[in-house]
């Protein structure tokens, strides 16, 4: 009995702080569990999620930079105060402007055929490019690519719906 109690205490001491840190680092997912634009789970796509804080103090949580682009376009009158993106590897939010972005490559994007991924560290972005292809860029490059891809991504989705409805 003492042994079991000891193991439980040891487990709580070791895992407790890690679980608390994870919860604190992903508070935005608890507050905004689903993408405001498409409804997808932001926890499932924590590696591509975006959190926008607008100048009027409101927040918008999205699953991807593609959905964030739509949200930003719909809210042009409320300038963004801050934009954070999920780091591809750690899944923690990073300042989107300070992140190292990878655009394109073999890995299909979230809500977009062409991926756009944020990395906290430059060497991690370079490693992703070496393994998966793509090009490095800034947040604004990735945002521009999101708008450029929007029509083709929507057309692909609509064609899939049309085919599904005909079956």
Protein backbone atom coordinates (compact mmCIF):
# COMPACT_ATOMS: atom_id res chain seq x y z
CA UNK A 1 0.00 0.00 0.00
CA UNK A 2 2.81 2.41 0.88
CA UNK A 3 4.50 1.60 -2.40
CA UNK A 4 1.35 2.46 -4.41
CA UNK A 5 0.89 5.70 -2.47
CA UNK A 6 4.54 6.58 -3.07
CA UNK A 7 4.16 5.95 -6.83
CA UNK A 8 1.01 8.08 -6.99
CA UNK A 9 2.72 10.96 -5.20
CA UNK A 10 5.77 10.63 -7.45
CA UNK A 11 3.55 10.62 -10.53
CA UNK A 12 1.68 13.72 -9.33
CA UNK A 13 4.95 15.56 -8.63
CA UNK A 14 6.41 14.68 -12.04
CA UNK A 15 3.36 14.94 -14.29
CA UNK A 16 1.41 17.65 -12.47
CA UNK A 17 3.63 20.60 -13.42
CA UNK A 18 3.87 19.41 -17.04
CA UNK A 19 0.09 19.07 -17.30
CA UNK A 20 -0.37 22.49 -15.71
CA UNK A 21 2.14 24.06 -18.10
CA UNK A 22 0.39 22.42 -21.05
CA UNK A 23 -2.99 23.70 -19.87
CA UNK A 24 -1.65 27.23 -19.28
CA UNK A 25 0.08 27.27 -22.67
CA UNK A 26 -3.12 26.24 -24.43
CA UNK A 27 -5.65 28.36 -22.54
CA UNK A 28 -6.76 29.85 -25.86
CA UNK A 29 -8.02 26.43 -26.94
CA UNK A 30 -10.19 26.18 -23.85
CA UNK A 31 -11.59 29.66 -24.46
CA UNK A 32 -11.96 29.17 -28.24
CA UNK A 33 -12.31 25.40 -28.78
CA UNK A 34 -13.60 25.60 -32.35
CA UNK A 35 -12.53 27.70 -35.30
CA UNK A 36 -14.67 30.82 -35.59
CA UNK A 37 -14.57 30.57 -39.38
CA UNK A 38 -15.04 26.89 -40.21
CA UNK A 39 -15.93 25.21 -36.90
CA UNK A 40 -13.00 22.76 -36.83
CA UNK A 41 -11.38 21.73 -33.55
CA UNK A 42 -8.56 24.10 -32.65
CA UNK A 43 -7.10 21.48 -30.30
CA UNK A 44 -6.83 18.98 -33.15
CA UNK A 45 -5.10 21.62 -35.24
CA UNK A 46 -3.12 23.23 -32.43
CA UNK A 47 0.01 23.16 -34.63
CA UNK A 48 -1.64 25.48 -37.18
CA UNK A 49 -4.07 27.50 -35.04
CA UNK A 50 -4.14 31.29 -34.90
CA UNK A 51 -5.35 33.63 -32.15
CA UNK A 52 -6.17 37.20 -33.10
CA UNK A 53 -6.68 39.95 -30.54
CA UNK A 54 -8.45 42.93 -32.08
CA UNK A 55 -7.96 46.55 -31.02
CA UNK A 56 -11.39 46.60 -29.33
CA UNK A 57 -10.32 43.80 -26.95
CA UNK A 58 -12.17 40.96 -28.66
CA UNK A 59 -10.48 37.70 -29.66
CA UNK A 60 -10.92 35.35 -32.58
CA UNK A 61 -9.57 31.81 -32.54
CA UNK A 62 -9.11 29.97 -35.82
CA UNK A 63 -7.73 26.59 -36.85
CA UNK A 64 -5.34 27.99 -39.47
CA UNK A 65 -3.90 31.05 -41.14
CA UNK A 66 -6.38 30.47 -43.98
CA UNK A 67 -9.34 30.91 -41.61
CA UNK A 68 -7.53 33.79 -39.88
CA UNK A 69 -7.22 35.53 -43.27
CA UNK A 70 -10.99 35.27 -43.75
CA UNK A 71 -11.60 36.57 -40.22
CA UNK A 72 -9.21 39.49 -40.73
CA UNK A 73 -10.94 40.39 -44.01
CA UNK A 74 -14.37 40.30 -42.35
CA UNK A 75 -13.14 42.50 -39.49
CA UNK A 76 -11.18 45.15 -41.37
CA UNK A 77 -12.64 47.91 -39.18
CA UNK A 78 -11.11 46.34 -36.06
CA UNK A 79 -7.37 46.36 -36.54
CA UNK A 80 -5.47 43.44 -35.03
CA UNK A 81 -3.67 44.27 -31.79
CA UNK A 82 -1.76 40.98 -31.83
CA UNK A 83 -1.72 37.80 -33.87
CA UNK A 84 -0.28 34.56 -32.55
CA UNK A 85 0.15 31.27 -34.38
CA UNK A 86 0.69 27.71 -33.23
CA UNK A 87 4.30 26.61 -33.50
CA UNK A 88 4.30 23.54 -35.77
CA UNK A 89 6.50 21.49 -33.44
CA UNK A 90 5.66 22.57 -29.88
CA UNK A 91 2.03 23.54 -30.57
CA UNK A 92 2.54 26.60 -28.35
CA UNK A 93 1.47 30.05 -29.51
CA UNK A 94 4.17 32.34 -30.89
CA UNK A 95 4.01 35.91 -32.13
CA UNK A 96 3.07 35.50 -35.81
CA UNK A 97 5.33 38.39 -36.87
CA UNK A 98 8.35 36.90 -35.08
CA UNK A 99 7.76 33.32 -36.27
CA UNK A 100 9.67 31.73 -39.13
CA UNK A 101 7.10 30.69 -41.72
CA UNK A 102 7.25 27.90 -44.29
CA UNK A 103 4.97 28.19 -47.29
CA UNK A 104 4.23 25.18 -49.48
CA UNK A 105 5.99 21.86 -49.62
CA UNK A 106 4.74 18.26 -49.47
CA UNK A 107 2.58 18.62 -46.36
CA UNK A 108 -0.95 19.73 -47.23
CA UNK A 109 -2.15 22.70 -45.25
CA UNK A 110 -5.00 23.07 -42.78
CA UNK A 111 -8.07 24.25 -44.74
CA UNK A 112 -5.79 24.84 -47.72
CA UNK A 113 -3.96 22.71 -50.25
CA UNK A 114 -0.75 24.73 -49.83
CA UNK A 115 0.55 24.59 -46.28
CA UNK A 116 1.60 27.62 -44.28
CA UNK A 117 3.42 26.72 -41.06
CA UNK A 118 4.84 28.82 -38.23
CA UNK A 119 8.01 27.89 -36.33
CA UNK A 120 9.48 29.50 -33.23
CA UNK A 121 13.04 28.69 -34.34
CA UNK A 122 14.67 29.38 -37.69
CA UNK A 123 16.55 26.06 -37.66
CA UNK A 124 13.29 24.14 -37.17
CA UNK A 125 11.77 25.88 -40.19
CA UNK A 126 14.92 25.06 -42.20
CA UNK A 127 14.71 21.43 -41.09
CA UNK A 128 11.07 21.25 -42.18
CA UNK A 129 11.99 22.69 -45.59
CA UNK A 130 14.85 20.19 -45.98
CA UNK A 131 12.47 17.29 -45.29
CA UNK A 132 9.22 18.54 -46.88
CA UNK A 133 10.12 21.32 -49.30
CA UNK A 134 8.53 24.75 -49.31
CA UNK A 135 9.99 28.21 -49.00
CA UNK A 136 10.72 30.40 -46.01
CA UNK A 137 8.82 33.62 -45.54
CA UNK A 138 7.33 36.10 -43.12
CA UNK A 139 3.87 36.14 -41.58
CA UNK A 140 2.79 38.63 -44.23
CA UNK A 141 4.07 36.31 -46.98
CA UNK A 142 2.01 33.48 -45.48
CA UNK A 143 -1.05 35.72 -45.11
CA UNK A 144 -0.73 36.85 -48.74
CA UNK A 145 -0.41 33.22 -49.85
CA UNK A 146 -3.59 32.43 -47.88
CA UNK A 147 -5.53 35.05 -49.82
CA UNK A 148 -4.00 33.89 -53.11
CA UNK A 149 -5.06 30.29 -52.38
CA UNK A 150 -8.55 31.08 -51.16
CA UNK A 151 -10.32 30.78 -54.51
CA UNK A 152 -8.71 27.50 -55.55
CA UNK A 153 -9.31 26.02 -52.09
CA UNK A 154 -12.97 27.07 -52.15
CA UNK A 155 -13.42 25.74 -55.70
CA UNK A 156 -11.94 22.39 -54.68
CA UNK A 157 -14.31 22.24 -51.70
CA UNK A 158 -17.34 23.23 -53.78
CA UNK A 159 -16.49 20.65 -56.47
CA UNK A 160 -16.25 17.99 -53.76
CA UNK A 161 -19.66 19.01 -52.36
CA UNK A 162 -21.19 18.96 -55.83
CA UNK A 163 -19.81 15.46 -56.50
CA UNK A 164 -20.98 14.23 -53.09
CA UNK A 165 -24.50 15.60 -53.68
CA UNK A 166 -24.71 13.87 -57.08
CA UNK A 167 -23.95 10.45 -55.60
